Amino acid sequence: MGVQKGWWYQSQKENGDGDARGKARREDIEIVLGAAITMSHVIIPQPLMAFFRGSRLTKTHLLTDPCPVTNYTLYSPAMSSLKSVVVLALLVVASVLAQDVEFDNEWDQPLNFECPEGKVIKSIHSIHDNHREDRRFKLVCGKAPSNAKPKECEWTSDYVNDWDRPVMFLCPANSVVAGIYSVHDNGKEDRRMKFKCCKQSGIKTMSCQMSDFLNSWDQPLDYTVGSGRALVGWMSRHDNSKEDRIHKMVDCLYRA
């Protein structure tokens, strides 16, 4: 089976040893599961190792994708189970990678996050746990559009929602979100939220828009503010049977 010459082969060739090593790698690259896939620093868990033992992975593309797992094809005596095996492997890898995210709160614990002075929230990632019935959040800050540095800030004086009730929050006019605080209640299995909004004289919000729901019940949330825009609002609603929230975001153009 022919294989593409990915960046590994090209880099070895440029270093002068690609002809021999690259040829050997391209002709016969086999990894027996039970070892680590070290190129991506992903360790296959022991239960999955046992499941795969005796199977063979053949590399069909030499690292043309940063995640080598997606470029391996599994060959097993039970070819009828190929699809389910590959899906299982990818789910395990995704789970391992998710564990590497440094979230800004622990399960059932407060979230207390503020951007550095003059910066604003640019992206939000969240996962839900059905056992703890809670969410963890990863928030990322960045520069505000138009080279703005909004430093006139204030927190909401109280929580913007009650337990099990909707969040319907908008920053004051021409202000953008730069901090979030929330607490969890194990009885209500819900979170209440506060927000920090900041502004800069001469910079305005305009052409605002609200997203659709960004997650399904119990599923991850991923949101990134568009170019030239800033986060100004957060909407969510709670379901008592799911013990989770689905979320919408509001962003606006932010410029003079």
Protein backbone atom coordinates (compact mmCIF):
# COMPACT_ATOMS: atom_id res chain seq x y z
CA MET A 1 0.00 0.00 0.00
CA GLY A 2 1.44 3.36 -0.99
CA VAL A 3 1.84 6.03 1.64
CA GLN A 4 2.10 9.78 1.54
CA LYS A 5 5.32 11.48 2.54
CA GLY A 6 4.27 13.50 5.53
CA TRP A 7 6.23 16.07 7.48
CA TRP A 8 8.20 13.40 9.40
CA TYR A 9 9.68 12.03 6.19
CA GLN A 10 10.34 15.48 4.75
CA SER A 11 12.07 16.69 7.91
CA GLN A 12 14.27 13.58 8.03
CA LYS A 13 15.20 14.10 4.40
CA GLU A 14 16.16 17.68 5.07
CA ASN A 15 18.34 16.47 7.93
CA GLY A 16 20.16 14.11 5.62
CA ASP A 17 18.91 10.77 6.93
CA GLY A 18 15.46 10.60 5.36
CA ASP A 19 16.43 8.27 2.48
CA ALA A 20 17.15 5.25 4.68
CA ARG A 21 15.05 5.90 7.75
CA GLY A 22 12.17 7.38 5.80
CA LYS A 23 12.06 4.40 3.44
CA ALA A 24 12.08 1.95 6.33
CA ARG A 25 9.33 3.83 8.12
CA ARG A 26 7.21 4.12 5.01
CA GLU A 27 7.53 0.45 4.10
CA ASP A 28 6.78 -1.06 7.47
CA ILE A 29 5.42 1.03 10.30
CA GLU A 30 3.66 -1.19 12.77
CA ILE A 31 2.77 -0.47 16.36
CA VAL A 32 1.55 -3.23 18.64
CA LEU A 33 -0.94 -1.79 21.10
CA GLY A 34 0.17 -2.27 24.65
CA ALA A 35 2.67 0.55 24.27
CA ALA A 36 2.15 4.29 24.28
CA ILE A 37 1.39 6.38 21.22
CA THR A 38 4.21 8.70 22.20
CA MET A 39 4.03 11.06 19.24
CA SER A 40 0.91 12.62 20.76
CA HIS A 41 1.73 11.83 24.39
CA VAL A 42 -1.48 9.80 24.61
CA ILE A 43 -1.27 6.66 26.73
CA ILE A 44 -3.72 3.90 25.83
CA PRO A 45 -5.36 2.65 29.06
CA GLN A 46 -4.72 -0.93 30.16
CA PRO A 47 -8.29 -2.20 29.48
CA LEU A 48 -8.06 -1.00 25.90
CA MET A 49 -4.58 -2.52 25.54
CA ALA A 50 -5.99 -5.90 26.53
CA PHE A 51 -8.86 -5.49 24.08
CA PHE A 52 -6.51 -4.74 21.22
CA ARG A 53 -3.73 -7.20 22.12
CA GLY A 54 -2.66 -9.09 19.03
CA SER A 55 -4.08 -6.51 16.64
CA ARG A 56 -1.88 -4.49 14.36
CA LEU A 57 -1.89 -0.80 13.53
CA THR A 58 -0.45 0.16 10.16
CA LYS A 59 0.42 3.79 9.49
CA THR A 60 -1.12 4.87 6.20
CA HIS A 61 -0.18 8.55 6.40
CA LEU A 62 3.09 9.75 7.89
CA LEU A 63 1.86 12.33 10.35
CA THR A 64 -0.03 14.43 7.85
CA ASP A 65 -2.33 15.24 10.75
CA PRO A 66 -1.13 16.47 14.19
CA CYS A 67 -3.13 13.69 15.87
CA PRO A 68 -1.65 10.38 14.71
CA VAL A 69 -4.50 8.32 16.12
CA THR A 70 -6.81 9.45 13.33
CA ASN A 71 -4.27 8.29 10.73
CA TYR A 72 -3.94 4.68 11.89
CA THR A 73 -5.92 1.87 10.30
CA LEU A 74 -6.64 -1.18 12.41
CA TYR A 75 -6.24 -4.68 10.97
CA SER A 76 -7.74 -7.50 13.06
CA PRO A 77 -8.91 -11.05 12.42
CA ALA A 78 -12.41 -9.88 13.27
CA MET A 79 -12.78 -7.28 10.52
CA SER A 80 -16.53 -7.13 11.08
CA SER A 81 -15.86 -5.33 14.37
CA LEU A 82 -13.55 -2.76 12.77
CA LYS A 83 -15.93 0.18 13.02
CA SER A 84 -16.85 -0.39 16.65
CA VAL A 85 -13.20 -0.89 17.61
CA VAL A 86 -12.07 2.33 15.93
CA VAL A 87 -14.94 4.29 17.47
CA LEU A 88 -14.06 2.93 20.91
CA ALA A 89 -10.41 3.88 20.45
CA LEU A 90 -11.25 7.42 19.41
CA LEU A 91 -13.65 7.84 22.33
CA VAL A 92 -10.97 6.73 24.77
CA VAL A 93 -8.39 9.07 23.27
CA ALA A 94 -10.87 11.97 23.37
CA SER A 95 -11.56 11.18 27.01
CA VAL A 96 -7.86 11.15 27.86
CA LEU A 97 -7.28 14.44 26.06
CA ALA A 98 -10.24 16.05 27.86
CA GLN A 99 -8.65 15.13 31.18
CA ASP A 100 -5.63 17.25 30.24
CA VAL A 101 -7.68 20.47 30.10
CA GLU A 102 -6.94 22.76 33.04
CA PHE A 103 -10.41 23.87 34.03
CA ASP A 104 -10.99 26.98 36.11
CA ASN A 105 -13.19 25.22 38.67
CA GLU A 106 -13.48 21.82 40.30
CA TRP A 107 -16.68 19.81 40.43
CA ASP A 108 -19.19 21.29 42.91
CA GLN A 109 -16.80 24.15 43.69
CA PRO A 110 -16.98 27.91 42.94
CA LEU A 111 -15.82 29.34 39.65
CA ASN A 112 -13.94 32.59 40.26
CA PHE A 113 -12.39 33.90 37.05
CA GLU A 114 -11.15 37.34 36.01
CA CYS A 115 -9.21 38.38 32.93
CA PRO A 116 -6.04 40.43 33.37
CA GLU A 117 -6.65 44.17 33.32
CA GLY A 118 -7.67 45.44 29.90
CA LYS A 119 -8.44 41.98 28.47
CA VAL A 120 -11.77 40.27 27.84
CA ILE A 121 -13.18 36.74 27.65
CA LYS A 122 -12.62 35.30 24.18
CA SER A 123 -13.63 31.64 24.47
CA ILE A 124 -15.56 29.30 26.75
CA HIS A 125 -15.30 25.51 27.06
CA SER A 126 -17.42 23.45 29.45
CA ILE A 127 -18.13 19.80 30.21
CA HIS A 128 -20.89 18.16 32.26
CA ASP A 129 -20.71 15.20 34.64
CA ASN A 130 -23.88 13.15 35.17
CA HIS A 131 -22.72 11.74 38.50
CA ARG A 132 -21.87 15.12 40.04
CA GLU A 133 -24.56 16.94 38.01
CA ASP A 134 -22.28 19.92 37.55
CA ARG A 135 -20.18 21.68 34.96
CA ARG A 136 -16.53 22.64 34.83
CA PHE A 137 -15.48 25.65 32.78
CA LYS A 138 -12.35 26.67 30.91
CA LEU A 139 -12.31 30.38 30.07
CA VAL A 140 -9.73 32.09 27.87
CA CYS A 141 -8.95 35.80 27.80
CA GLY A 142 -7.53 37.88 24.98
CA LYS A 143 -7.12 41.38 23.64
CA ALA A 144 -10.27 43.38 23.03
CA PRO A 145 -11.05 44.43 19.44
CA SER A 146 -9.96 47.85 18.13
CA ASN A 147 -6.90 47.79 20.42
CA ALA A 148 -9.24 48.71 23.25
CA LYS A 149 -8.25 48.14 26.86
CA PRO A 150 -11.48 48.30 28.86
CA LYS A 151 -10.44 48.98 32.46
CA GLU A 152 -13.52 50.63 33.97
CA CYS A 153 -15.03 47.54 35.54
CA GLU A 154 -17.76 46.47 37.92
CA TRP A 155 -19.23 43.19 39.13
CA THR A 156 -22.96 42.59 39.28
CA SER A 157 -24.00 43.38 42.84
CA ASP A 158 -25.82 40.07 43.26
CA TYR A 159 -26.34 36.79 41.46
CA VAL A 160 -28.16 37.26 38.17
CA ASN A 161 -30.29 34.10 38.59
CA ASP A 162 -31.99 32.03 41.26
CA TRP A 163 -31.62 28.26 41.55
CA ASP A 164 -33.26 26.45 38.62
CA ARG A 165 -34.21 29.77 37.02
CA PRO A 166 -32.99 31.22 33.70
CA VAL A 167 -29.91 33.37 33.31
CA MET A 168 -30.75 36.43 31.20
CA PHE A 169 -27.78 38.73 31.55
CA LEU A 170 -26.47 41.65 29.50
CA CYS A 171 -23.64 43.97 30.46
CA PRO A 172 -24.49 47.68 30.65
CA ALA A 173 -24.26 49.62 27.39
CA ASN A 174 -20.79 49.60 25.80
CA SER A 175 -19.41 47.17 28.39
CA VAL A 176 -18.05 43.66 27.75
CA VAL A 177 -17.59 40.53 29.88
CA ALA A 178 -14.20 40.21 31.60
CA GLY A 179 -14.99 37.95 34.56
CA ILE A 180 -17.39 35.27 35.81
CA TYR A 181 -18.16 34.00 39.30
CA SER A 182 -20.52 31.13 40.07
CA VAL A 183 -21.38 28.79 42.94
CA HIS A 184 -22.88 25.29 42.89
CA ASP A 185 -25.49 23.80 45.21
CA ASN A 186 -25.49 20.01 45.67
CA GLY A 187 -29.15 20.00 46.66
CA LYS A 188 -30.37 22.08 43.73
CA GLU A 189 -27.68 20.67 41.41
CA ASP A 190 -27.42 24.07 39.76
CA ARG A 191 -25.21 27.16 39.58
CA ARG A 192 -25.86 30.83 40.24
CA MET A 193 -23.74 33.40 38.42
CA LYS A 194 -22.23 36.86 38.68
CA PHE A 195 -20.47 38.77 35.91
CA LYS A 196 -17.74 41.38 35.65
CA CYS A 197 -18.27 43.96 32.88
CA CYS A 198 -15.68 46.47 31.69
CA LYS A 199 -15.71 49.46 29.35
CA GLN A 200 -13.42 52.03 27.77
CA SER A 201 -14.38 55.59 26.99
CA GLY A 202 -14.97 56.12 23.28
CA ILE A 203 -15.45 52.42 22.44
CA LYS A 204 -18.99 51.22 21.79
CA THR A 205 -20.88 47.97 21.33
CA MET A 206 -23.06 47.67 18.22
CA SER A 207 -24.67 45.14 15.86
CA CYS A 208 -25.27 42.68 18.68
CA GLN A 209 -26.40 39.10 18.09
CA MET A 210 -27.44 36.10 20.16
CA SER A 211 -26.24 32.60 19.35
CA ASP A 212 -28.40 29.51 19.19
CA PHE A 213 -28.06 27.10 22.09
CA LEU A 214 -24.41 26.10 22.11
CA ASN A 215 -24.80 22.73 23.82
CA SER A 216 -27.27 19.92 24.30
CA TRP A 217 -28.19 18.57 27.73
CA ASP A 218 -25.21 16.86 29.40
CA GLN A 219 -22.97 17.66 26.42
CA PRO A 220 -19.84 19.84 26.05
CA LEU A 221 -20.07 23.54 25.27
CA ASP A 222 -17.55 25.27 23.01
CA TYR A 223 -17.79 28.93 22.09
CA THR A 224 -15.35 31.44 20.61
CA VAL A 225 -16.13 35.12 20.10
CA GLY A 226 -15.97 36.17 16.46
CA SER A 227 -13.34 38.52 15.05
CA GLY A 228 -13.95 42.17 15.91
CA ARG A 229 -16.63 41.22 18.42
CA ALA A 230 -16.83 41.00 22.21
CA LEU A 231 -18.93 38.95 24.62
CA VAL A 232 -21.60 41.10 26.28
CA GLY A 233 -24.25 38.66 27.52
CA TRP A 234 -25.05 35.15 28.71
CA MET A 235 -28.39 33.33 28.58
CA SER A 236 -29.19 29.86 29.91
CA ARG A 237 -32.03 27.70 31.15
CA HIS A 238 -32.07 24.80 33.59
CA ASP A 239 -33.81 21.42 33.40
CA ASN A 240 -34.61 19.68 36.68
CA SER A 241 -34.68 16.20 35.17
CA LYS A 242 -31.37 16.65 33.32
CA GLU A 243 -29.89 18.77 36.14
CA ASP A 244 -28.00 20.77 33.54
CA ARG A 245 -28.16 24.03 31.63
CA ILE A 246 -28.11 24.85 27.94
CA HIS A 247 -26.46 28.13 27.06
CA LYS A 248 -26.58 30.99 24.57
CA MET A 249 -24.08 33.85 24.23
CA VAL A 250 -24.55 37.44 23.10
CA ASP A 251 -21.73 39.29 21.36
CA CYS A 252 -21.39 42.66 19.64
CA LEU A 253 -19.04 44.54 17.40
CA TYR A 254 -16.75 46.56 19.66
CA ARG A 255 -15.19 49.66 18.16
CA ALA A 256 -14.95 53.44 18.27
